[in-house]
Amino acid sequence: MGLHFAEALVFLYLNSRGPSSLAEMAREMRFAHPSVLRHIDGLEKAGYVSRKPHPKDRRVKVIHLTAKGKAQVKTVMDIAKSIHKKATTGFSPKKTEQLGADLMHLIRNLDGSKNDT
């Protein structure tokens, strides 16, 4: 599809969470605001997302998957599943779950978030 890995993450975020503002996406994904903006720009240029005015705050733009983006969801999900399968080969489901929890713990430590485990 010609997407960079981080663009695919933004794509999958929008698919699972629905339309979101740039600030919401950056906070939820734990990415820097300028980084998310750059990825949205790439997805918009490719025709996968569009920006629409927020219904209550005209200073904010809400990012939506376009019809072209929605049509590609299955392809992106299939690619993500394939990568996940390859990455977790040889790991039990329990170990895979623990690895995910450990990685989230590392991310929380690095971004200064309160550790809730």
N, C-alpha and C. Protein backbone atom coordinates (compact mmCIF):
# COMPACT_ATOMS: atom_id res chain seq x y z
N MET A 1 0.82 -1.21 0.00
CA MET A 1 0.00 0.00 0.00
C MET A 1 0.85 1.25 0.00
N GLY A 2 2.13 1.10 0.24
CA GLY A 2 3.00 2.27 0.26
C GLY A 2 2.96 3.05 1.57
N LEU A 3 2.48 2.42 2.64
CA LEU A 3 2.42 3.11 3.93
C LEU A 3 3.68 2.83 4.73
N HIS A 4 4.13 3.83 5.46
CA HIS A 4 5.18 3.62 6.44
C HIS A 4 4.53 2.95 7.65
N PHE A 5 5.34 2.30 8.47
CA PHE A 5 4.81 1.58 9.63
C PHE A 5 3.97 2.50 10.52
N ALA A 6 4.48 3.68 10.84
CA ALA A 6 3.75 4.59 11.73
C ALA A 6 2.47 5.09 11.08
N GLU A 7 2.46 5.25 9.76
CA GLU A 7 1.23 5.64 9.07
C GLU A 7 0.19 4.53 9.21
N ALA A 8 0.64 3.29 9.11
CA ALA A 8 -0.27 2.16 9.27
C ALA A 8 -0.85 2.14 10.69
N LEU A 9 -0.05 2.49 11.68
CA LEU A 9 -0.55 2.56 13.05
C LEU A 9 -1.64 3.62 13.18
N VAL A 10 -1.43 4.78 12.56
CA VAL A 10 -2.44 5.84 12.57
C VAL A 10 -3.70 5.34 11.87
N PHE A 11 -3.52 4.70 10.74
CA PHE A 11 -4.63 4.13 9.97
C PHE A 11 -5.44 3.16 10.84
N LEU A 12 -4.76 2.24 11.51
CA LEU A 12 -5.42 1.26 12.36
C LEU A 12 -6.09 1.92 13.57
N TYR A 13 -5.46 2.96 14.10
CA TYR A 13 -6.06 3.71 15.22
C TYR A 13 -7.41 4.28 14.78
N LEU A 14 -7.43 4.95 13.63
CA LEU A 14 -8.67 5.56 13.14
C LEU A 14 -9.73 4.50 12.87
N ASN A 15 -9.31 3.36 12.38
CA ASN A 15 -10.26 2.29 12.12
C ASN A 15 -10.88 1.78 13.41
N SER A 16 -10.08 1.62 14.46
CA SER A 16 -10.60 1.07 15.71
C SER A 16 -11.30 2.12 16.58
N ARG A 17 -10.81 3.34 16.59
CA ARG A 17 -11.35 4.37 17.48
C ARG A 17 -12.34 5.32 16.80
N GLY A 18 -12.29 5.36 15.48
CA GLY A 18 -13.16 6.29 14.76
C GLY A 18 -12.51 7.65 14.63
N PRO A 19 -13.23 8.60 14.05
CA PRO A 19 -12.68 9.93 13.83
C PRO A 19 -12.14 10.54 15.13
N SER A 20 -10.98 11.16 15.03
CA SER A 20 -10.31 11.72 16.21
C SER A 20 -9.55 12.98 15.85
N SER A 21 -9.32 13.80 16.85
CA SER A 21 -8.48 14.98 16.64
C SER A 21 -7.02 14.57 16.70
N LEU A 22 -6.19 15.42 16.17
CA LEU A 22 -4.74 15.19 16.19
C LEU A 22 -4.25 15.05 17.63
N ALA A 23 -4.72 15.92 18.52
CA ALA A 23 -4.28 15.87 19.92
C ALA A 23 -4.70 14.57 20.59
N GLU A 24 -5.93 14.10 20.34
CA GLU A 24 -6.38 12.83 20.90
C GLU A 24 -5.50 11.68 20.42
N MET A 25 -5.22 11.68 19.13
CA MET A 25 -4.42 10.61 18.56
C MET A 25 -3.01 10.60 19.15
N ALA A 26 -2.39 11.75 19.22
CA ALA A 26 -1.02 11.84 19.76
C ALA A 26 -0.99 11.35 21.21
N ARG A 27 -1.97 11.78 21.99
CA ARG A 27 -2.02 11.38 23.41
C ARG A 27 -2.25 9.87 23.54
N GLU A 28 -3.23 9.34 22.85
CA GLU A 28 -3.57 7.92 22.95
C GLU A 28 -2.45 7.01 22.41
N MET A 29 -1.82 7.44 21.31
CA MET A 29 -0.79 6.62 20.69
C MET A 29 0.58 6.84 21.32
N ARG A 30 0.67 7.87 22.16
CA ARG A 30 1.94 8.22 22.82
C ARG A 30 3.02 8.60 21.80
N PHE A 31 2.56 9.32 20.77
CA PHE A 31 3.45 9.86 19.75
C PHE A 31 3.53 11.36 19.94
N ALA A 32 4.62 11.96 19.50
CA ALA A 32 4.73 13.42 19.51
C ALA A 32 3.75 14.00 18.51
N HIS A 33 3.15 15.12 18.88
CA HIS A 33 2.17 15.80 18.04
C HIS A 33 2.68 16.02 16.61
N PRO A 34 3.90 16.57 16.42
CA PRO A 34 4.39 16.78 15.06
C PRO A 34 4.55 15.48 14.26
N SER A 35 4.87 14.40 14.96
CA SER A 35 5.03 13.11 14.30
C SER A 35 3.69 12.61 13.76
N VAL A 36 2.65 12.70 14.58
CA VAL A 36 1.31 12.28 14.14
C VAL A 36 0.86 13.15 12.98
N LEU A 37 1.11 14.44 13.07
CA LEU A 37 0.74 15.36 12.00
C LEU A 37 1.40 14.96 10.68
N ARG A 38 2.66 14.61 10.73
CA ARG A 38 3.39 14.20 9.53
C ARG A 38 2.77 12.93 8.92
N HIS A 39 2.38 11.99 9.78
CA HIS A 39 1.78 10.75 9.30
C HIS A 39 0.39 11.01 8.71
N ILE A 40 -0.35 11.89 9.33
CA ILE A 40 -1.67 12.25 8.80
C ILE A 40 -1.51 12.93 7.45
N ASP A 41 -0.53 13.80 7.34
CA ASP A 41 -0.27 14.46 6.04
C ASP A 41 -0.02 13.43 4.95
N GLY A 42 0.77 12.40 5.25
CA GLY A 42 1.06 11.34 4.28
C GLY A 42 -0.19 10.55 3.91
N LEU A 43 -1.00 10.23 4.92
CA LEU A 43 -2.24 9.49 4.66
C LEU A 43 -3.24 10.34 3.87
N GLU A 44 -3.27 11.62 4.17
CA GLU A 44 -4.17 12.52 3.44
C GLU A 44 -3.73 12.64 1.98
N LYS A 45 -2.44 12.78 1.76
CA LYS A 45 -1.91 12.88 0.40
C LYS A 45 -2.24 11.62 -0.41
N ALA A 46 -2.23 10.46 0.25
CA ALA A 46 -2.55 9.19 -0.41
C ALA A 46 -4.06 9.00 -0.58
N GLY A 47 -4.85 9.88 0.04
CA GLY A 47 -6.30 9.80 -0.09
C GLY A 47 -6.98 8.90 0.91
N TYR A 48 -6.27 8.47 1.96
CA TYR A 48 -6.83 7.56 2.95
C TYR A 48 -7.56 8.26 4.09
N VAL A 49 -7.23 9.52 4.36
CA VAL A 49 -7.89 10.27 5.43
C VAL A 49 -8.25 11.67 4.94
N SER A 50 -9.18 12.28 5.67
CA SER A 50 -9.51 13.68 5.41
C SER A 50 -9.67 14.39 6.75
N ARG A 51 -9.55 15.69 6.70
CA ARG A 51 -9.72 16.51 7.91
C ARG A 51 -11.03 17.27 7.77
N LYS A 52 -11.82 17.23 8.82
CA LYS A 52 -13.11 17.94 8.82
C LYS A 52 -13.17 18.80 10.07
N PRO A 53 -13.90 19.89 10.01
CA PRO A 53 -14.02 20.74 11.20
C PRO A 53 -14.69 20.00 12.36
N HIS A 54 -14.22 20.27 13.56
CA HIS A 54 -14.84 19.72 14.76
C HIS A 54 -16.21 20.36 14.90
N PRO A 55 -17.24 19.60 15.27
CA PRO A 55 -18.58 20.16 15.34
C PRO A 55 -18.77 21.24 16.42
N LYS A 56 -17.92 21.23 17.46
CA LYS A 56 -18.08 22.19 18.56
C LYS A 56 -16.92 23.17 18.70
N ASP A 57 -15.79 22.89 18.05
CA ASP A 57 -14.61 23.75 18.19
C ASP A 57 -13.98 23.93 16.81
N ARG A 58 -14.24 25.05 16.20
CA ARG A 58 -13.78 25.25 14.82
C ARG A 58 -12.26 25.37 14.70
N ARG A 59 -11.55 25.48 15.82
CA ARG A 59 -10.09 25.50 15.78
C ARG A 59 -9.51 24.11 15.58
N VAL A 60 -10.32 23.09 15.85
CA VAL A 60 -9.86 21.70 15.82
C VAL A 60 -10.35 21.01 14.55
N LYS A 61 -9.48 20.21 13.98
CA LYS A 61 -9.85 19.37 12.84
C LYS A 61 -9.96 17.93 13.32
N VAL A 62 -10.95 17.24 12.80
CA VAL A 62 -11.16 15.83 13.14
C VAL A 62 -10.72 15.01 11.93
N ILE A 63 -9.92 14.00 12.19
CA ILE A 63 -9.39 13.15 11.13
C ILE A 63 -10.32 11.96 10.93
N HIS A 64 -10.72 11.73 9.68
CA HIS A 64 -11.63 10.64 9.31
C HIS A 64 -10.97 9.77 8.26
N LEU A 65 -11.29 8.48 8.27
CA LEU A 65 -10.92 7.63 7.13
C LEU A 65 -11.85 7.99 5.98
N THR A 66 -11.31 8.12 4.79
CA THR A 66 -12.12 8.37 3.60
C THR A 66 -12.70 7.04 3.11
N ALA A 67 -13.53 7.11 2.08
CA ALA A 67 -14.05 5.88 1.48
C ALA A 67 -12.90 5.01 0.98
N LYS A 68 -11.88 5.64 0.40
CA LYS A 68 -10.70 4.89 -0.06
C LYS A 68 -10.00 4.24 1.13
N GLY A 69 -9.89 4.95 2.25
CA GLY A 69 -9.26 4.40 3.44
C GLY A 69 -10.06 3.24 4.00
N LYS A 70 -11.37 3.41 4.08
CA LYS A 70 -12.24 2.34 4.60
C LYS A 70 -12.15 1.10 3.71
N ALA A 71 -12.00 1.30 2.42
CA ALA A 71 -11.90 0.17 1.49
C ALA A 71 -10.60 -0.61 1.68
N GLN A 72 -9.59 0.02 2.29
CA GLN A 72 -8.29 -0.62 2.49
C GLN A 72 -8.11 -1.21 3.88
N VAL A 73 -9.12 -1.07 4.74
CA VAL A 73 -9.00 -1.55 6.12
C VAL A 73 -8.64 -3.04 6.17
N LYS A 74 -9.33 -3.86 5.41
CA LYS A 74 -9.06 -5.30 5.44
C LYS A 74 -7.62 -5.59 5.04
N THR A 75 -7.12 -4.92 4.02
CA THR A 75 -5.74 -5.13 3.58
C THR A 75 -4.76 -4.78 4.70
N VAL A 76 -4.96 -3.64 5.33
CA VAL A 76 -4.07 -3.20 6.42
C VAL A 76 -4.16 -4.18 7.59
N MET A 77 -5.37 -4.61 7.92
CA MET A 77 -5.54 -5.57 9.02
C MET A 77 -4.86 -6.90 8.69
N ASP A 78 -5.00 -7.37 7.44
CA ASP A 78 -4.35 -8.62 7.05
C ASP A 78 -2.84 -8.52 7.15
N ILE A 79 -2.29 -7.39 6.73
CA ILE A 79 -0.84 -7.18 6.82
C ILE A 79 -0.41 -7.15 8.29
N ALA A 80 -1.17 -6.44 9.12
CA ALA A 80 -0.84 -6.35 10.55
C ALA A 80 -0.89 -7.73 11.20
N LYS A 81 -1.90 -8.53 10.86
CA LYS A 81 -2.01 -9.88 11.42
C LYS A 81 -0.83 -10.74 10.97
N SER A 82 -0.43 -10.60 9.73
CA SER A 82 0.70 -11.36 9.21
C SER A 82 1.99 -11.00 9.94
N ILE A 83 2.20 -9.71 10.16
CA ILE A 83 3.39 -9.26 10.89
C ILE A 83 3.35 -9.76 12.33
N HIS A 84 2.18 -9.66 12.96
CA HIS A 84 2.03 -10.14 14.34
C HIS A 84 2.33 -11.63 14.43
N LYS A 85 1.79 -12.41 13.49
CA LYS A 85 2.02 -13.86 13.48
C LYS A 85 3.50 -14.17 13.34
N LYS A 86 4.17 -13.46 12.43
CA LYS A 86 5.61 -13.69 12.22
C LYS A 86 6.40 -13.30 13.47
N ALA A 87 6.04 -12.17 14.07
CA ALA A 87 6.78 -11.67 15.24
C ALA A 87 6.60 -12.55 16.46
N THR A 88 5.44 -13.21 16.58
CA THR A 88 5.17 -13.99 17.78
C THR A 88 5.35 -15.49 17.59
N THR A 89 5.89 -15.89 16.44
CA THR A 89 6.15 -17.31 16.20
C THR A 89 7.08 -17.84 17.29
N GLY A 90 6.70 -18.95 17.89
CA GLY A 90 7.52 -19.55 18.94
C GLY A 90 7.16 -19.08 20.34
N PHE A 91 6.27 -18.10 20.44
CA PHE A 91 5.82 -17.61 21.75
C PHE A 91 4.45 -18.21 22.04
N SER A 92 4.24 -18.62 23.26
CA SER A 92 2.92 -19.09 23.66
C SER A 92 2.00 -17.86 23.76
N PRO A 93 0.69 -18.07 23.71
CA PRO A 93 -0.22 -16.93 23.89
C PRO A 93 0.04 -16.20 25.21
N LYS A 94 0.35 -16.94 26.26
CA LYS A 94 0.62 -16.33 27.57
C LYS A 94 1.88 -15.45 27.50
N LYS A 95 2.94 -15.96 26.85
CA LYS A 95 4.17 -15.18 26.73
C LYS A 95 3.96 -13.95 25.84
N THR A 96 3.17 -14.11 24.79
CA THR A 96 2.87 -12.98 23.91
C THR A 96 2.13 -11.89 24.67
N GLU A 97 1.16 -12.29 25.48
CA GLU A 97 0.42 -11.33 26.31
C GLU A 97 1.34 -10.64 27.30
N GLN A 98 2.23 -11.41 27.93
CA GLN A 98 3.16 -10.84 28.90
C GLN A 98 4.12 -9.87 28.23
N LEU A 99 4.59 -10.23 27.05
CA LEU A 99 5.48 -9.34 26.30
C LEU A 99 4.79 -8.01 26.01
N GLY A 100 3.53 -8.07 25.58
CA GLY A 100 2.77 -6.84 25.32
C GLY A 100 2.65 -5.99 26.58
N ALA A 101 2.35 -6.63 27.71
CA ALA A 101 2.25 -5.91 28.97
C ALA A 101 3.59 -5.29 29.36
N ASP A 102 4.66 -6.04 29.17
CA ASP A 102 5.99 -5.52 29.50
C ASP A 102 6.36 -4.33 28.61
N LEU A 103 6.05 -4.43 27.33
CA LEU A 103 6.34 -3.32 26.42
C LEU A 103 5.55 -2.06 26.80
N MET A 104 4.28 -2.23 27.18
CA MET A 104 3.48 -1.09 27.62
C MET A 104 4.07 -0.48 28.89
N HIS A 105 4.57 -1.32 29.77
CA HIS A 105 5.21 -0.84 30.99
C HIS A 105 6.43 0.02 30.63
N LEU A 106 7.25 -0.48 29.70
CA LEU A 106 8.42 0.29 29.25
C LEU A 106 8.00 1.64 28.67
N ILE A 107 6.95 1.63 27.85
CA ILE A 107 6.49 2.88 27.24
C ILE A 107 6.03 3.86 28.31
N ARG A 108 5.26 3.37 29.29
CA ARG A 108 4.81 4.26 30.37
C ARG A 108 6.00 4.81 31.14
N ASN A 109 7.01 3.98 31.39
CA ASN A 109 8.20 4.46 32.08
C ASN A 109 8.89 5.57 31.30
N LEU A 110 8.99 5.39 30.00
CA LEU A 110 9.71 6.36 29.17
C LEU A 110 8.95 7.65 28.96
N ASP A 111 7.62 7.58 28.93
CA ASP A 111 6.88 8.82 28.69
C ASP A 111 6.47 9.52 29.99
N GLY A 112 6.84 8.93 31.13
CA GLY A 112 6.59 9.60 32.41
C GLY A 112 5.19 9.38 32.93
N SER A 113 4.40 8.54 32.28
CA SER A 113 3.05 8.28 32.75
C SER A 113 3.09 7.52 34.06
N LYS A 114 2.02 7.65 34.82
CA LYS A 114 1.91 6.93 36.08
C LYS A 114 1.86 5.44 35.80
N ASN A 115 2.65 4.70 36.50
CA ASN A 115 2.68 3.25 36.34
C ASN A 115 1.54 2.66 37.14
N ASP A 116 0.59 2.00 36.44
CA ASP A 116 -0.58 1.47 37.13
C ASP A 116 -0.55 -0.05 37.26
N THR A 117 0.62 -0.66 37.17
CA THR A 117 0.68 -2.12 37.33
C THR A 117 1.33 -2.46 38.65
